[in-house]
Structures are given as C-alpha cells and as structure tokens.
Amino acid sequence: MRKRERENPCGVCGHYHKYEEGEVCGICGHRVPATSEKTSLQFAAFPSEILPEFLYLGSYDNASRSELLKTQGISRVLNTVPDCQNLYKNSFTYHCLQYDKTLPFDDAVEFLEQCERDKARVLVHCMSGKNRSPAIVIAFLMKCKGWRLAQSYRWVKERRPSVDLTESIYQQLQEYEQKVFGSSQNTLPTHPVFSPVGLPSFGFNFPKTSDPVPTTLFNTMAATSIFTHPTVDVPSHEFTFGAGQTQNSFTANPRINQQPHPNG
C-alpha cells in the first residue's frame, strides 16, 4: 500500500512522517496514534501558551520537539536548567540561566523583554515545566505587566494546571514581589493551592459537611402525629354507646319489623 504524507507532525516525537494510521514510525519507533488518540497526544506535545503569540511555557520534552516549536513560530528558548542540553543551536536562539539556589529573575526578565521588543516568540522551559520555568514566567508578569504575585500565579496556573511550585521558589517570588512593588501582598498561603474554577458542584441533594444538621422537633404544638384522628363534632346527647344505636337503626326500617309470612 502506498504511504501518504501527513501535513501535521507526529504527536509523539514531533517529526514529519509518511505513514498510514496504525503503523510504527520509522524515525522514532513509536506507533502512530489512531484518530481518537491524536488530540490528547498532540496537546501534550505542545507547550502552554501564556501570552498570545509571544510567551510559551513547557518542559524539556517540549523543547526537544523542534518541529512542533517551529509550527508555533517559536524562535528563541530560555533554558532555566543548565543540565538540559540545547539541542538545536542552529535553529533557535538560546539563553541559559546559571544554576543557583536563587533564581536570577532579573537576567531572565531582561532576556524576555528583549524578545518582546523584537516580537519574537520564546519558550521558557525547565525539566518538567512545573517549578523553575513557571517561576520565571510569573516574575516576568509581575515586572513587565504590573501584576501582583497572586494574579500572576493564577494566570499561569489556569493555562498550565501542572504547575507545582516548591515552598522555596514561592518564597523567592514573594521577595521579588516586594522588590518590584515595594511591598508584598499576603493574600495567598506559603504554598498556594487553587481549586478549579467554573466546575459544577455535584451534591445529589445530600447535605454538605458545613450545612447544619436538621433536628426533629418533639413535643411541639405545631407537630401533628400520624396517629391523630380528625375530631368529629357530634353533640353529646345524640351519641349513644353500645347496641342502642344499632337497635334504633333496625326499628327505623318498617320492613324489618314486619312479622314473617306463615307460608314463608
């Protein structure tokens, strides 16, 4: 069977292939995903877009997919981990941060500002895209966009939910916020955790733990017992106990009081 060339790159390795669905890639060795699997794989292969057509956030795996970066128009890469190799120096402009316990926010922000002036799309990445590189992006938003730490963190977290800052990195961001704005806002805990926004609440009519537990009222005048019969308003002189009432009911019928016919 003749193979046909796809326009989109492989969602697993990022290369362009000539293949049929279900075959094994001859370049990377991965099985070409089926149509139902392509969306999730290709979405994970692309970095997260933080600012439209400018700032992208991802992992080392995203940075190693040169073809995918080119499809997004990314031409510059900010590497926040020196242990990660710059694989495509002939295709992208790299800037590496020095490894230190304290992140060099000013150095990184200066490089990103230059990328913005040149209208160049840039990828900021670390090994997993969860800690160091998100901190750099948050620092840039505080310095260049004038956003406080809470707003910057929420903005990045909503666009890349896998962000997971360590306590030490977050403390560095608090210090940088105080440096930029002159004071820090203690609107977030030391290690922020935000709940998903806009998700519906499924209670299935069960009471929440915070709701007060309803109590049953006993011995109250308003409560009505299931054993209570409706009151019949009958005068006492017209009501007779025993068989007297039954006898009166028989005498009232003339047919019942007649003597039986002797012939039966």
Protein backbone atom coordinates (compact mmCIF):
# COMPACT_ATOMS: atom_id res chain seq x y z
CA MET A 1 0.00 0.00 0.00
CA ARG A 2 1.34 3.41 -0.94
CA LYS A 3 2.03 5.63 2.05
CA ARG A 4 0.73 9.17 2.16
CA GLU A 5 2.33 12.20 3.79
CA ARG A 6 0.57 13.95 6.65
CA GLU A 7 0.57 17.72 6.99
CA ASN A 8 0.71 17.68 10.79
CA PRO A 9 3.76 16.39 12.69
CA CYS A 10 3.72 13.25 14.77
CA GLY A 11 2.13 13.86 18.18
CA VAL A 12 4.65 11.57 19.87
CA CYS A 13 8.06 12.61 18.54
CA GLY A 14 7.34 15.76 16.55
CA HIS A 15 8.79 14.54 13.23
CA TYR A 16 7.04 14.66 9.90
CA HIS A 17 6.32 11.17 8.58
CA LYS A 18 4.89 9.39 5.61
CA TYR A 19 2.71 6.79 7.18
CA GLU A 20 -0.64 5.09 7.42
CA GLU A 21 -2.58 5.03 10.67
CA GLY A 22 -1.62 2.14 12.91
CA GLU A 23 1.90 1.72 11.55
CA VAL A 24 5.10 2.09 13.53
CA CYS A 25 7.07 5.28 12.90
CA GLY A 26 10.29 4.56 11.01
CA ILE A 27 12.11 7.51 12.59
CA CYS A 28 11.22 7.42 16.27
CA GLY A 29 9.82 3.89 16.58
CA HIS A 30 6.52 5.00 18.08
CA ARG A 31 3.22 3.62 16.92
CA VAL A 32 1.26 6.21 15.03
CA PRO A 33 -1.79 7.02 17.16
CA ALA A 34 -5.29 6.39 15.96
CA THR A 35 -7.63 9.26 15.25
CA SER A 36 -9.19 9.13 18.72
CA GLU A 37 -5.77 9.31 20.38
CA LYS A 38 -4.29 12.16 18.37
CA THR A 39 -5.92 15.05 20.18
CA SER A 40 -4.60 14.26 23.66
CA LEU A 41 -1.11 13.32 22.47
CA GLN A 42 -0.65 16.38 20.28
CA PHE A 43 -1.99 18.63 23.03
CA ALA A 44 0.59 17.27 25.50
CA ALA A 45 3.37 17.65 22.93
CA PHE A 46 2.84 21.40 22.57
CA PRO A 47 3.95 23.89 25.25
CA SER A 48 1.43 26.06 27.08
CA GLU A 49 0.73 29.49 25.62
CA ILE A 50 0.91 32.05 28.44
CA LEU A 51 0.74 35.27 26.41
CA PRO A 52 -0.72 35.02 22.90
CA GLU A 53 1.85 34.81 20.11
CA PHE A 54 4.73 35.62 22.45
CA LEU A 55 5.36 33.69 25.69
CA TYR A 56 5.23 29.90 25.97
CA LEU A 57 5.89 27.63 28.94
CA GLY A 58 6.91 23.98 28.77
CA SER A 59 9.21 21.16 29.74
CA TYR A 60 12.44 19.78 28.33
CA ASP A 61 10.36 17.31 26.37
CA ASN A 62 8.59 20.23 24.67
CA ALA A 63 11.93 21.92 23.97
CA SER A 64 13.24 18.77 22.28
CA ARG A 65 10.49 18.80 19.64
CA SER A 66 11.94 21.25 17.16
CA GLU A 67 9.32 20.70 14.50
CA LEU A 68 6.49 21.42 16.93
CA LEU A 69 8.20 24.61 18.10
CA LYS A 70 8.56 25.76 14.51
CA THR A 71 4.88 25.15 13.84
CA GLN A 72 4.11 27.58 16.69
CA GLY A 73 6.57 30.14 15.37
CA ILE A 74 8.93 29.87 18.37
CA SER A 75 12.43 31.08 17.54
CA ARG A 76 14.01 31.65 20.99
CA VAL A 77 14.36 29.42 24.03
CA LEU A 78 15.05 30.36 27.64
CA ASN A 79 16.60 27.36 29.38
CA THR A 80 16.31 27.63 33.17
CA VAL A 81 18.21 24.38 33.90
CA PRO A 82 21.86 24.18 32.74
CA ASP A 83 21.71 20.37 32.88
CA CYS A 84 19.27 20.41 29.95
CA GLN A 85 21.18 20.47 26.69
CA ASN A 86 20.39 22.98 23.98
CA LEU A 87 19.71 20.55 21.15
CA TYR A 88 19.09 22.83 18.18
CA LYS A 89 21.55 25.72 18.39
CA ASN A 90 21.42 26.18 14.62
CA SER A 91 17.64 26.61 14.63
CA PHE A 92 16.89 28.58 17.81
CA THR A 93 18.44 31.36 19.86
CA TYR A 94 19.15 30.03 23.35
CA HIS A 95 19.68 31.80 26.64
CA CYS A 96 20.73 29.71 29.65
CA LEU A 97 20.40 30.73 33.28
CA GLN A 98 23.16 29.93 35.74
CA TYR A 99 22.29 27.22 38.20
CA ASP A 100 21.87 28.65 41.69
CA LYS A 101 19.57 28.14 44.64
CA THR A 102 18.23 31.63 43.98
CA LEU A 103 16.69 32.11 40.56
CA PRO A 104 18.19 35.03 38.57
CA PHE A 105 14.90 36.76 37.88
CA ASP A 106 16.45 39.98 36.55
CA ASP A 107 18.58 38.15 34.00
CA ALA A 108 15.64 36.13 32.74
CA VAL A 109 13.27 39.11 32.62
CA GLU A 110 15.82 41.14 30.64
CA PHE A 111 16.03 38.39 28.01
CA LEU A 112 12.24 38.10 27.78
CA GLU A 113 11.89 41.86 27.44
CA GLN A 114 14.28 41.80 24.51
CA CYS A 115 12.25 39.02 22.89
CA GLU A 116 9.10 41.08 23.31
CA ARG A 117 10.72 44.14 21.73
CA ASP A 118 11.88 42.00 18.80
CA LYS A 119 8.39 40.48 18.51
CA ALA A 120 9.92 37.02 18.77
CA ARG A 121 8.11 34.05 20.26
CA VAL A 122 10.01 32.47 23.14
CA LEU A 123 9.75 29.22 25.07
CA VAL A 124 10.66 29.15 28.77
CA HIS A 125 11.33 25.63 29.98
CA CYS A 126 12.87 23.57 32.76
CA MET A 127 12.97 19.80 33.13
CA SER A 128 9.27 19.23 33.88
CA GLY A 129 7.76 22.68 33.35
CA LYS A 130 6.30 22.73 36.88
CA ASN A 131 8.62 24.74 39.12
CA ARG A 132 11.59 26.79 37.87
CA SER A 133 10.26 27.87 34.47
CA PRO A 134 6.79 28.86 35.80
CA ALA A 135 8.53 30.96 38.46
CA ILE A 136 10.44 32.82 35.74
CA VAL A 137 7.22 33.46 33.82
CA ILE A 138 5.46 34.69 36.97
CA ALA A 139 8.36 37.05 37.70
CA PHE A 140 8.12 38.44 34.17
CA LEU A 141 4.39 39.10 34.56
CA MET A 142 5.00 40.95 37.81
CA LYS A 143 7.83 43.06 36.43
CA CYS A 144 6.54 43.86 32.92
CA LYS A 145 2.76 43.59 33.25
CA GLY A 146 2.43 45.11 36.70
CA TRP A 147 0.51 42.14 38.09
CA ARG A 148 0.84 41.15 41.71
CA LEU A 149 2.02 37.68 42.67
CA ALA A 150 -1.48 36.31 43.29
CA GLN A 151 -2.78 37.39 39.89
CA SER A 152 0.34 36.26 38.04
CA TYR A 153 0.31 32.85 39.68
CA ARG A 154 -3.38 32.34 38.94
CA TRP A 155 -2.89 33.36 35.30
CA VAL A 156 -0.11 30.82 34.76
CA LYS A 157 -1.85 28.08 36.74
CA GLU A 158 -5.02 28.34 34.68
CA ARG A 159 -3.07 27.94 31.45
CA ARG A 160 -0.80 25.18 32.72
CA PRO A 161 -2.54 23.24 35.52
CA SER A 162 0.52 21.04 36.12
CA VAL A 163 2.42 23.95 37.72
CA ASP A 164 3.58 22.95 41.21
CA LEU A 165 5.85 25.50 42.90
CA THR A 166 8.01 24.45 45.81
CA GLU A 167 7.96 26.42 49.03
CA SER A 168 11.46 27.84 48.50
CA ILE A 169 10.67 29.01 44.96
CA TYR A 170 7.47 30.66 46.11
CA GLN A 171 9.32 32.48 48.89
CA GLN A 172 11.74 33.81 46.25
CA LEU A 173 8.77 35.11 44.28
CA GLN A 174 7.43 36.82 47.39
CA GLU A 175 10.79 38.55 47.85
CA TYR A 176 10.83 39.55 44.19
CA GLU A 177 7.32 40.97 44.51
CA GLN A 178 8.49 43.10 47.42
CA LYS A 179 11.44 44.24 45.33
CA VAL A 180 9.23 45.22 42.36
CA PHE A 181 6.29 46.79 44.19
CA GLY A 182 7.94 47.81 47.44
CA SER A 183 5.66 45.52 49.46
CA SER A 184 4.19 42.04 49.24
CA GLN A 185 0.55 41.04 49.47
CA ASN A 186 -0.12 38.20 51.86
CA THR A 187 -3.23 37.10 50.04
CA LEU A 188 -2.00 33.58 49.44
CA PRO A 189 -0.65 30.84 51.71
CA THR A 190 3.03 29.98 51.70
CA HIS A 191 2.42 27.18 49.21
CA PRO A 192 -0.63 28.22 47.12
CA VAL A 193 -3.19 25.68 46.03
CA PHE A 194 -6.06 26.87 43.89
CA SER A 195 -9.27 24.89 43.33
CA PRO A 196 -10.60 24.54 39.73
CA VAL A 197 -12.70 27.45 38.58
CA GLY A 198 -16.06 27.04 36.99
CA LEU A 199 -16.58 23.38 37.84
CA PRO A 200 -20.13 22.42 38.76
CA SER A 201 -20.90 21.10 42.20
CA PHE A 202 -22.44 17.65 42.33
CA GLY A 203 -24.26 17.23 45.62
CA PHE A 204 -27.04 14.83 44.60
CA ASN A 205 -29.24 16.53 47.26
CA PHE A 206 -27.05 15.26 50.10
CA PRO A 207 -26.27 17.80 52.85
CA LYS A 208 -22.81 19.29 52.87
CA THR A 209 -20.50 18.90 55.81
CA SER A 210 -20.76 22.61 56.51
CA ASP A 211 -24.55 22.65 56.47
CA PRO A 212 -26.36 22.46 59.83
CA VAL A 213 -27.95 19.10 60.55
CA PRO A 214 -31.73 19.41 60.79
CA THR A 215 -33.14 18.25 64.12
CA THR A 216 -36.54 16.65 64.72
CA LEU A 217 -38.85 18.64 66.94
CA PHE A 218 -40.62 16.66 69.65
CA ASN A 219 -43.46 17.69 71.98
CA THR A 220 -44.34 20.77 69.98
CA MET A 221 -47.86 22.01 69.42
CA ALA A 222 -47.29 22.54 65.69
CA ALA A 223 -46.21 18.94 65.08
CA THR A 224 -49.00 16.58 64.03
CA SER A 225 -48.84 12.89 64.88
CA ILE A 226 -49.69 10.25 62.31
CA PHE A 227 -51.92 8.54 64.94
CA THR A 228 -54.16 11.57 65.43
CA HIS A 229 -57.70 11.14 64.01
CA PRO A 230 -59.78 14.08 62.87
CA THR A 231 -62.19 15.33 65.52
CA VAL A 232 -65.88 14.75 64.75
CA ASP A 233 -68.15 17.47 66.06
CA VAL A 234 -71.10 15.40 67.42
CA PRO A 235 -73.30 16.66 70.30
CA SER A 236 -73.03 14.56 73.44
CA HIS A 237 -76.82 13.98 73.74
CA GLU A 238 -77.05 12.49 70.21
CA PHE A 239 -74.24 9.99 70.65
CA THR A 240 -75.06 6.58 72.23
CA PHE A 241 -72.59 3.90 73.25
CA GLY A 242 -73.25 0.17 72.90
CA ALA A 243 -76.00 -1.52 70.92
CA GLY A 244 -78.69 1.07 71.43
CA GLN A 245 -77.80 2.92 68.26
CA THR A 246 -77.85 -0.31 66.29
CA GLN A 247 -81.33 -1.18 67.60
CA ASN A 248 -82.68 2.19 66.62
CA SER A 249 -81.36 1.73 63.16
CA PHE A 250 -83.31 -1.54 62.78
CA THR A 251 -86.60 -0.10 64.10
CA ALA A 252 -86.39 2.72 61.70
CA ASN A 253 -86.90 0.29 58.80
CA PRO A 254 -90.58 -0.89 58.62
CA ARG A 255 -89.79 -3.96 56.51
CA ILE A 256 -87.51 -5.46 59.10
CA ASN A 257 -90.16 -5.12 61.89
CA GLN A 258 -92.94 -6.91 59.97
CA GLN A 259 -93.89 -10.45 61.02
CA PRO A 260 -92.80 -13.18 58.68
CA HIS A 261 -95.47 -14.65 56.40
CA PRO A 262 -96.65 -18.03 57.59
CA ASN A 263 -96.28 -19.56 54.11
CA GLY A 264 -92.69 -18.47 54.04
